[in-house]
C-alpha atoms as a PDB file:
ATOM      1  CA  MET A   1     -39.604 -14.838  72.039  1.00  0.00           C
ATOM      2  CA  THR A   2     -43.120 -15.369  73.421  1.00  0.00           C
ATOM      3  CA  PRO A   3     -44.114 -18.536  75.270  1.00  0.00           C
ATOM      4  CA  SER A   4     -46.195 -19.689  72.274  1.00  0.00           C
ATOM      5  CA  ASP A   5     -43.081 -19.564  70.111  1.00  0.00           C
ATOM      6  CA  LYS A   6     -41.503 -22.252  72.303  1.00  0.00           C
ATOM      7  CA  ARG A   7     -44.284 -24.806  71.907  1.00  0.00           C
ATOM      8  CA  THR A   8     -43.351 -27.952  70.011  1.00  0.00           C
ATOM      9  CA  THR A   9     -45.180 -30.800  68.367  1.00  0.00           C
ATOM     10  CA  HIS A  10     -44.183 -34.016  66.670  1.00  0.00           C
ATOM     11  CA  PHE A  11     -43.211 -34.326  63.036  1.00  0.00           C
ATOM     12  CA  GLY A  12     -42.876 -38.070  62.832  1.00  0.00           C
ATOM     13  CA  TYR A  13     -40.489 -38.873  65.668  1.00  0.00           C
ATOM     14  CA  GLN A  14     -38.935 -35.401  65.654  1.00  0.00           C
ATOM     15  CA  GLU A  15     -39.962 -32.557  67.936  1.00  0.00           C
ATOM     16  CA  VAL A  16     -40.376 -29.346  65.930  1.00  0.00           C
ATOM     17  CA  PRO A  17     -41.770 -25.868  66.670  1.00  0.00           C
ATOM     18  CA  VAL A  18     -45.555 -25.821  66.283  1.00  0.00           C
ATOM     19  CA  ASP A  19     -45.415 -23.141  63.616  1.00  0.00           C
ATOM     20  CA  GLU A  20     -43.050 -25.228  61.471  1.00  0.00           C
ATOM     21  CA  LYS A  21     -45.030 -28.475  61.240  1.00  0.00           C
ATOM     22  CA  ALA A  22     -47.481 -27.378  58.555  1.00  0.00           C
ATOM     23  CA  SER A  23     -44.717 -26.284  56.205  1.00  0.00           C
ATOM     24  CA  ARG A  24     -42.789 -29.523  56.784  1.00  0.00           C
ATOM     25  CA  VAL A  25     -45.860 -31.621  56.069  1.00  0.00           C
ATOM     26  CA  ALA A  26     -46.474 -29.489  52.976  1.00  0.00           C
ATOM     27  CA  ASP A  27     -42.975 -30.302  51.707  1.00  0.00           C
ATOM     28  CA  VAL A  28     -43.687 -34.022  52.129  1.00  0.00           C
ATOM     29  CA  PHE A  29     -46.856 -33.893  50.064  1.00  0.00           C
ATOM     30  CA  HIS A  30     -45.429 -31.569  47.432  1.00  0.00           C
ATOM     31  CA  SER A  31     -42.777 -34.247  46.980  1.00  0.00           C
ATOM     32  CA  VAL A  32     -45.088 -37.268  46.766  1.00  0.00           C
ATOM     33  CA  ALA A  33     -48.148 -35.790  45.017  1.00  0.00           C
ATOM     34  CA  ALA A  34     -47.324 -36.962  41.505  1.00  0.00           C
ATOM     35  CA  ARG A  35     -46.869 -40.604  42.562  1.00  0.00           C
ATOM     36  CA  TYR A  36     -49.353 -40.623  45.439  1.00  0.00           C
ATOM     37  CA  ASP A  37     -51.959 -42.906  43.837  1.00  0.00           C
ATOM     38  CA  VAL A  38     -49.365 -45.400  42.618  1.00  0.00           C
ATOM     39  CA  MET A  39     -47.747 -45.581  46.047  1.00  0.00           C
ATOM     40  CA  ASN A  40     -51.126 -46.013  47.771  1.00  0.00           C
ATOM     41  CA  ASP A  41     -51.829 -49.086  45.680  1.00  0.00           C
ATOM     42  CA  LEU A  42     -48.354 -50.498  46.258  1.00  0.00           C
ATOM     43  CA  MET A  43     -48.191 -49.791  49.989  1.00  0.00           C
ATOM     44  CA  SER A  44     -51.625 -51.230  50.791  1.00  0.00           C
ATOM     45  CA  PHE A  45     -51.677 -53.921  48.077  1.00  0.00           C
ATOM     46  CA  GLY A  46     -54.810 -52.147  46.841  1.00  0.00           C
ATOM     47  CA  ILE A  47     -56.691 -52.648  50.115  1.00  0.00           C
ATOM     48  CA  HIS A  48     -57.061 -48.865  50.588  1.00  0.00           C
ATOM     49  CA  ARG A  49     -59.834 -49.075  47.985  1.00  0.00           C
ATOM     50  CA  VAL A  50     -61.794 -51.441  50.253  1.00  0.00           C
ATOM     51  CA  TRP A  51     -61.295 -49.124  53.242  1.00  0.00           C
ATOM     52  CA  LYS A  52     -62.547 -46.159  51.221  1.00  0.00           C
ATOM     53  CA  ARG A  53     -65.506 -48.120  49.868  1.00  0.00           C
ATOM     54  CA  LEU A  54     -66.623 -48.863  53.428  1.00  0.00           C
ATOM     55  CA  THR A  55     -66.272 -45.167  54.279  1.00  0.00           C
ATOM     56  CA  ILE A  56     -68.558 -44.290  51.368  1.00  0.00           C
ATOM     57  CA  GLU A  57     -71.108 -46.880  52.523  1.00  0.00           C
ATOM     58  CA  ARG A  58     -71.090 -45.621  56.134  1.00  0.00           C
ATOM     59  CA  ALA A  59     -71.367 -41.989  55.045  1.00  0.00           C
ATOM     60  CA  GLY A  60     -75.042 -42.329  54.105  1.00  0.00           C
ATOM     61  CA  VAL A  61     -74.748 -39.670  51.402  1.00  0.00           C
ATOM     62  CA  ARG A  62     -77.845 -39.160  49.242  1.00  0.00           C
ATOM     63  CA  PRO A  63     -78.845 -37.045  46.218  1.00  0.00           C
ATOM     64  CA  GLY A  64     -78.874 -33.355  47.033  1.00  0.00           C
ATOM     65  CA  HIS A  65     -76.498 -33.616  49.993  1.00  0.00           C
ATOM     66  CA  SER A  66     -73.595 -31.278  50.638  1.00  0.00           C
ATOM     67  CA  VAL A  67     -70.312 -33.107  51.371  1.00  0.00           C
ATOM     68  CA  LEU A  68     -66.873 -31.915  52.479  1.00  0.00           C
ATOM     69  CA  ASP A  69     -63.905 -34.190  51.717  1.00  0.00           C
ATOM     70  CA  ILE A  70     -61.049 -32.805  53.856  1.00  0.00           C
ATOM     71  CA  ALA A  71     -57.469 -33.729  52.962  1.00  0.00           C
ATOM     72  CA  GLY A  72     -59.172 -35.096  49.862  1.00  0.00           C
ATOM     73  CA  GLY A  73     -55.881 -35.254  47.985  1.00  0.00           C
ATOM     74  CA  THR A  74     -56.255 -37.036  44.674  1.00  0.00           C
ATOM     75  CA  GLY A  75     -60.028 -37.223  44.948  1.00  0.00           C
ATOM     76  CA  ASP A  76     -60.901 -40.910  45.446  1.00  0.00           C
ATOM     77  CA  LEU A  77     -63.763 -40.157  47.858  1.00  0.00           C
ATOM     78  CA  THR A  78     -64.822 -36.986  46.058  1.00  0.00           C
ATOM     79  CA  LEU A  79     -65.283 -38.932  42.817  1.00  0.00           C
ATOM     80  CA  LYS A  80     -67.729 -41.328  44.483  1.00  0.00           C
ATOM     81  CA  PHE A  81     -69.546 -38.600  46.412  1.00  0.00           C
ATOM     82  CA  SER A  82     -69.981 -36.536  43.248  1.00  0.00           C
ATOM     83  CA  ARG A  83     -71.953 -39.366  41.702  1.00  0.00           C
ATOM     84  CA  LEU A  84     -74.003 -39.962  44.860  1.00  0.00           C
ATOM     85  CA  VAL A  85     -75.103 -36.363  45.461  1.00  0.00           C
ATOM     86  CA  GLY A  86     -76.049 -35.807  41.812  1.00  0.00           C
ATOM     87  CA  PRO A  87     -76.583 -32.469  40.055  1.00  0.00           C
ATOM     88  CA  ARG A  88     -78.532 -30.955  42.972  1.00  0.00           C
ATOM     89  CA  GLY A  89     -75.769 -31.808  45.449  1.00  0.00           C
ATOM     90  CA  ARG A  90     -72.386 -30.320  46.223  1.00  0.00           C
ATOM     91  CA  VAL A  91     -69.001 -31.821  47.050  1.00  0.00           C
ATOM     92  CA  VAL A  92     -66.056 -29.746  48.236  1.00  0.00           C
ATOM     93  CA  LEU A  93     -62.607 -31.281  47.808  1.00  0.00           C
ATOM     94  CA  ALA A  94     -60.448 -29.486  50.365  1.00  0.00           C
ATOM     95  CA  ASP A  95     -56.740 -29.916  50.954  1.00  0.00           C
ATOM     96  CA  ILE A  96     -54.118 -27.731  52.600  1.00  0.00           C
ATOM     97  CA  ASN A  97     -51.548 -28.769  50.005  1.00  0.00           C
ATOM     98  CA  GLU A  98     -51.655 -27.035  46.630  1.00  0.00           C
ATOM     99  CA  SER A  99     -49.843 -29.842  44.802  1.00  0.00           C
ATOM    100  CA  MET A 100     -52.226 -32.516  46.052  1.00  0.00           C
ATOM    101  CA  LEU A 101     -55.240 -30.347  45.246  1.00  0.00           C
ATOM    102  CA  ARG A 102     -53.963 -29.770  41.712  1.00  0.00           C
ATOM    103  CA  VAL A 103     -53.398 -33.495  41.125  1.00  0.00           C
ATOM    104  CA  GLY A 104     -56.887 -34.240  42.457  1.00  0.00           C
ATOM    105  CA  ARG A 105     -58.542 -31.581  40.311  1.00  0.00           C
ATOM    106  CA  ASP A 106     -56.791 -32.750  37.138  1.00  0.00           C
ATOM    107  CA  LYS A 107     -57.670 -36.383  37.849  1.00  0.00           C
ATOM    108  CA  LEU A 108     -61.353 -35.643  38.428  1.00  0.00           C
ATOM    109  CA  LEU A 109     -61.631 -33.400  35.377  1.00  0.00           C
ATOM    110  CA  ASP A 110     -60.065 -36.160  33.287  1.00  0.00           C
ATOM    111  CA  ARG A 111     -62.806 -38.479  34.560  1.00  0.00           C
ATOM    112  CA  GLY A 112     -65.571 -36.091  33.600  1.00  0.00           C
ATOM    113  CA  VAL A 113     -66.398 -34.795  37.074  1.00  0.00           C
ATOM    114  CA  GLY A 114     -67.619 -31.252  36.766  1.00  0.00           C
ATOM    115  CA  GLY A 115     -70.366 -28.986  37.998  1.00  0.00           C
ATOM    116  CA  ASN A 116     -71.101 -30.304  41.478  1.00  0.00           C
ATOM    117  CA  VAL A 117     -67.474 -30.341  42.751  1.00  0.00           C
ATOM    118  CA  GLU A 118     -65.573 -27.372  44.175  1.00  0.00           C
ATOM    119  CA  TYR A 119     -61.865 -27.238  45.030  1.00  0.00           C
ATOM    120  CA  VAL A 120     -60.727 -25.309  48.097  1.00  0.00           C
ATOM    121  CA  GLN A 121     -57.255 -24.978  49.603  1.00  0.00           C
ATOM    122  CA  ALA A 122     -57.979 -24.988  53.318  1.00  0.00           C
ATOM    123  CA  ASN A 123     -56.516 -25.765  56.723  1.00  0.00           C
ATOM    124  CA  ALA A 124     -58.646 -28.284  58.620  1.00  0.00           C
ATOM    125  CA  GLU A 125     -58.068 -26.365  61.865  1.00  0.00           C
ATOM    126  CA  THR A 126     -59.804 -23.243  60.512  1.00  0.00           C
ATOM    127  CA  LEU A 127     -62.244 -24.355  57.832  1.00  0.00           C
ATOM    128  CA  PRO A 128     -63.431 -21.390  55.724  1.00  0.00           C
ATOM    129  CA  PHE A 129     -67.120 -22.361  55.674  1.00  0.00           C
ATOM    130  CA  PRO A 130     -70.183 -21.108  57.572  1.00  0.00           C
ATOM    131  CA  ASP A 131     -71.598 -23.010  60.516  1.00  0.00           C
ATOM    132  CA  ASN A 132     -73.956 -25.880  59.668  1.00  0.00           C
ATOM    133  CA  SER A 133     -72.903 -26.170  56.010  1.00  0.00           C
ATOM    134  CA  PHE A 134     -72.468 -29.897  55.320  1.00  0.00           C
ATOM    135  CA  ASP A 135     -74.497 -33.078  55.644  1.00  0.00           C
ATOM    136  CA  CYS A 136     -71.339 -35.183  55.734  1.00  0.00           C
ATOM    137  CA  ILE A 137     -67.611 -34.601  56.256  1.00  0.00           C
ATOM    138  CA  THR A 138     -64.873 -37.133  55.588  1.00  0.00           C
ATOM    139  CA  ILE A 139     -61.153 -37.013  56.264  1.00  0.00           C
ATOM    140  CA  ALA A 140     -59.218 -40.036  55.014  1.00  0.00           C
ATOM    141  CA  PHE A 141     -55.583 -40.504  56.013  1.00  0.00           C
ATOM    142  CA  GLY A 142     -55.212 -36.814  56.749  1.00  0.00           C
ATOM    143  CA  LEU A 143     -55.926 -36.201  60.425  1.00  0.00           C
ATOM    144  CA  ARG A 144     -52.570 -37.546  61.597  1.00  0.00           C
ATOM    145  CA  ASN A 145     -50.813 -34.794  59.599  1.00  0.00           C
ATOM    146  CA  VAL A 146     -52.783 -31.983  61.254  1.00  0.00           C
ATOM    147  CA  THR A 147     -50.852 -29.961  63.837  1.00  0.00           C
ATOM    148  CA  ASP A 148     -53.779 -29.363  66.236  1.00  0.00           C
ATOM    149  CA  LYS A 149     -56.118 -32.320  65.828  1.00  0.00           C
ATOM    150  CA  ASP A 150     -58.514 -31.113  68.541  1.00  0.00           C
ATOM    151  CA  ALA A 151     -58.938 -27.755  66.800  1.00  0.00           C
ATOM    152  CA  ALA A 152     -59.528 -29.528  63.493  1.00  0.00           C
ATOM    153  CA  LEU A 153     -62.215 -31.784  64.966  1.00  0.00           C
ATOM    154  CA  ARG A 154     -63.957 -28.771  66.540  1.00  0.00           C
ATOM    155  CA  SER A 155     -63.802 -26.976  63.192  1.00  0.00           C
ATOM    156  CA  MET A 156     -65.346 -29.983  61.440  1.00  0.00           C
ATOM    157  CA  ALA A 157     -68.112 -30.223  64.034  1.00  0.00           C
ATOM    158  CA  ARG A 158     -68.866 -26.527  63.597  1.00  0.00           C
ATOM    159  CA  VAL A 159     -69.471 -26.747  59.845  1.00  0.00           C
ATOM    160  CA  LEU A 160     -71.567 -29.946  60.075  1.00  0.00           C
ATOM    161  CA  LYS A 161     -75.318 -29.524  59.917  1.00  0.00           C
ATOM    162  CA  PRO A 162     -77.330 -30.884  62.849  1.00  0.00           C
ATOM    163  CA  GLY A 163     -77.758 -34.570  62.107  1.00  0.00           C
ATOM    164  CA  GLY A 164     -74.654 -34.526  59.922  1.00  0.00           C
ATOM    165  CA  ARG A 165     -71.926 -37.156  60.089  1.00  0.00           C
ATOM    166  CA  LEU A 166     -68.146 -36.971  60.408  1.00  0.00           C
ATOM    167  CA  LEU A 167     -66.141 -39.980  59.250  1.00  0.00           C
ATOM    168  CA  VAL A 168     -62.439 -40.273  60.030  1.00  0.00           C
ATOM    169  CA  LEU A 169     -60.550 -42.994  58.157  1.00  0.00           C
ATOM    170  CA  GLU A 170     -57.024 -43.266  59.510  1.00  0.00           C
ATOM    171  CA  PHE A 171     -54.200 -45.639  60.296  1.00  0.00           C
ATOM    172  CA  SER A 172     -54.466 -46.842  63.869  1.00  0.00           C
ATOM    173  CA  LYS A 173     -53.126 -49.455  66.278  1.00  0.00           C
ATOM    174  CA  PRO A 174     -53.158 -53.181  65.349  1.00  0.00           C
ATOM    175  CA  ASN A 175     -54.981 -55.256  67.944  1.00  0.00           C
ATOM    176  CA  ASN A 176     -52.747 -58.323  67.672  1.00  0.00           C
ATOM    177  CA  ALA A 177     -49.140 -58.452  68.884  1.00  0.00           C
ATOM    178  CA  LEU A 178     -47.877 -60.640  66.037  1.00  0.00           C
ATOM    179  CA  LEU A 179     -49.620 -58.483  63.436  1.00  0.00           C
ATOM    180  CA  SER A 180     -48.139 -55.390  65.071  1.00  0.00           C
ATOM    181  CA  GLN A 181     -44.611 -56.808  64.852  1.00  0.00           C
ATOM    182  CA  ALA A 182     -45.029 -57.796  61.212  1.00  0.00           C
ATOM    183  CA  TYR A 183     -46.532 -54.398  60.425  1.00  0.00           C
ATOM    184  CA  ASP A 184     -43.570 -52.631  62.051  1.00  0.00           C
ATOM    185  CA  GLN A 185     -41.108 -54.659  60.009  1.00  0.00           C
ATOM    186  CA  TYR A 186     -42.969 -53.869  56.810  1.00  0.00           C
ATOM    187  CA  SER A 187     -43.423 -50.178  57.637  1.00  0.00           C
ATOM    188  CA  PHE A 188     -39.900 -49.321  58.737  1.00  0.00           C
ATOM    189  CA  ARG A 189     -37.909 -51.592  56.463  1.00  0.00           C
ATOM    190  CA  LEU A 190     -39.852 -51.767  53.213  1.00  0.00           C
ATOM    191  CA  LEU A 191     -41.953 -48.603  52.893  1.00  0.00           C
ATOM    192  CA  PRO A 192     -39.084 -46.063  52.853  1.00  0.00           C
ATOM    193  CA  ARG A 193     -37.244 -48.235  50.345  1.00  0.00           C
ATOM    194  CA  MET A 194     -40.369 -48.476  48.208  1.00  0.00           C
ATOM    195  CA  GLY A 195     -40.800 -44.695  48.410  1.00  0.00           C
ATOM    196  CA  GLU A 196     -37.224 -44.217  47.292  1.00  0.00           C
ATOM    197  CA  LEU A 197     -37.575 -46.543  44.316  1.00  0.00           C
ATOM    198  CA  VAL A 198     -41.037 -45.497  43.107  1.00  0.00           C
ATOM    199  CA  ALA A 199     -41.437 -41.890  44.235  1.00  0.00           C
ATOM    200  CA  GLY A 200     -37.765 -40.955  44.535  1.00  0.00           C
ATOM    201  CA  ASP A 201     -38.258 -39.929  48.159  1.00  0.00           C
ATOM    202  CA  GLY A 202     -37.575 -42.392  50.951  1.00  0.00           C
ATOM    203  CA  ASP A 203     -37.492 -39.700  53.652  1.00  0.00           C
ATOM    204  CA  SER A 204     -41.098 -38.630  53.049  1.00  0.00           C
ATOM    205  CA  TYR A 205     -42.339 -42.188  53.411  1.00  0.00           C
ATOM    206  CA  ARG A 206     -40.234 -42.622  56.539  1.00  0.00           C
ATOM    207  CA  TYR A 207     -42.063 -39.581  57.956  1.00  0.00           C
ATOM    208  CA  LEU A 208     -45.438 -41.022  56.927  1.00  0.00           C
ATOM    209  CA  THR A 209     -44.599 -44.267  58.729  1.00  0.00           C
ATOM    210  CA  GLU A 210     -43.542 -42.394  61.864  1.00  0.00           C
ATOM    211  CA  SER A 211     -46.643 -40.176  61.745  1.00  0.00           C
ATOM    212  CA  ILE A 212     -48.825 -43.282  61.882  1.00  0.00           C
ATOM    213  CA  ARG A 213     -47.116 -44.426  65.096  1.00  0.00           C
ATOM    214  CA  MET A 214     -47.621 -41.003  66.694  1.00  0.00           C
ATOM    215  CA  HIS A 215     -51.345 -40.866  65.877  1.00  0.00           C
ATOM    216  CA  PRO A 216     -53.829 -41.450  68.733  1.00  0.00           C
ATOM    217  CA  ASP A 217     -55.163 -44.972  69.124  1.00  0.00           C
ATOM    218  CA  GLN A 218     -58.780 -45.911  68.489  1.00  0.00           C
ATOM    219  CA  ASP A 219     -60.220 -45.126  71.907  1.00  0.00           C
ATOM    220  CA  THR A 220     -58.242 -41.896  72.290  1.00  0.00           C
ATOM    221  CA  LEU A 221     -59.518 -40.592  68.966  1.00  0.00           C
ATOM    222  CA  LYS A 222     -63.060 -41.597  69.920  1.00  0.00           C
ATOM    223  CA  GLY A 223     -62.721 -39.462  73.054  1.00  0.00           C
ATOM    224  CA  MET A 224     -61.322 -36.542  71.064  1.00  0.00           C
ATOM    225  CA  MET A 225     -64.309 -36.623  68.717  1.00  0.00           C
ATOM    226  CA  GLU A 226     -66.672 -36.649  71.685  1.00  0.00           C
ATOM    227  CA  ASP A 227     -64.819 -33.712  73.236  1.00  0.00           C
ATOM    228  CA  ALA A 228     -65.279 -31.830  69.952  1.00  0.00           C
ATOM    229  CA  GLY A 229     -69.037 -32.111  70.381  1.00  0.00           C
ATOM    230  CA  LEU A 230     -69.873 -35.191  68.343  1.00  0.00           C
ATOM    231  CA  GLU A 231     -72.320 -37.780  69.632  1.00  0.00           C
ATOM    232  CA  ARG A 232     -72.772 -41.527  69.175  1.00  0.00           C
ATOM    233  CA  VAL A 233     -69.116 -41.886  68.209  1.00  0.00           C
ATOM    234  CA  GLU A 234     -68.134 -45.420  67.225  1.00  0.00           C
ATOM    235  CA  TYR A 235     -65.305 -47.033  65.330  1.00  0.00           C
ATOM    236  CA  THR A 236     -64.676 -50.121  63.243  1.00  0.00           C
ATOM    237  CA  ASP A 237     -61.253 -51.758  63.083  1.00  0.00           C
ATOM    238  CA  LEU A 238     -60.191 -52.663  59.557  1.00  0.00           C
ATOM    239  CA  THR A 239     -57.432 -55.121  58.633  1.00  0.00           C
ATOM    240  CA  GLY A 240     -56.818 -56.040  62.254  1.00  0.00           C
ATOM    241  CA  GLY A 241     -56.749 -52.441  63.482  1.00  0.00           C
ATOM    242  CA  ILE A 242     -54.062 -51.269  61.056  1.00  0.00           C
ATOM    243  CA  VAL A 243     -56.782 -48.846  59.982  1.00  0.00           C
ATOM    244  CA  ALA A 244     -59.859 -47.666  61.869  1.00  0.00           C
ATOM    245  CA  LEU A 245     -62.992 -45.921  60.636  1.00  0.00           C
ATOM    246  CA  HIS A 246     -64.515 -43.569  63.219  1.00  0.00           C
ATOM    247  CA  ARG A 247     -67.963 -42.052  62.802  1.00  0.00           C
ATOM    248  CA  GLY A 248     -69.704 -39.398  64.867  1.00  0.00           C
ATOM    249  CA  ILE A 249     -72.915 -37.410  64.531  1.00  0.00           C
ATOM    250  CA  LYS A 250     -73.681 -33.773  65.312  1.00  0.00           C
ATOM    251  CA  LEU A 251     -76.985 -33.680  67.177  1.00  0.00           C
END
């Protein structure tokens, strides 16, 4: 066994070998893909739509732009970007998980989205695109599931065009002690039960709750984006810091 074989990382609160995390995360999303949109609405009381709307507004996407939606899942952001970039633009919906990508593709086709959207199964740590390819990259509620977040951020910075923007929408750390306590009660007591009743999988939603707690806080993620080569990195707390929207620019 080589030293690299012994490295571990977190899968929720568990420590697992680095080379096992991706497959474990894949199993989670294979399990929840079919009910993902329904659970998003239930878990967030629909507020995730407001968070995503703000992401779209901050993205600054215009007709003719090229956009990469990483961990795009069921295509909420891709749908909006497709309309913004128009027929001369391009949107790539990328996800490492085949089941999520299939659900997203079927949903967008049902809604009449066609010629300016591509679907790519890809690992965020090693994006299969040339340098300087995209005007804007988004990753919404996906970074916390990536094994090597620093490698993923470097990969995103590489494929951004100079002047391009990276937006990271992710669960973060509440900035109020009482809100944090209430959020913990809701997350650990109700979410797994809700996942069991609606999606038939309480364990996957227990993992998702734990993965949120293991994700870097707002300032740590800001520093990671700067280390990846992004400039003018800033973040906005949403819903009391339960979610944060980070934005950085490649100069």
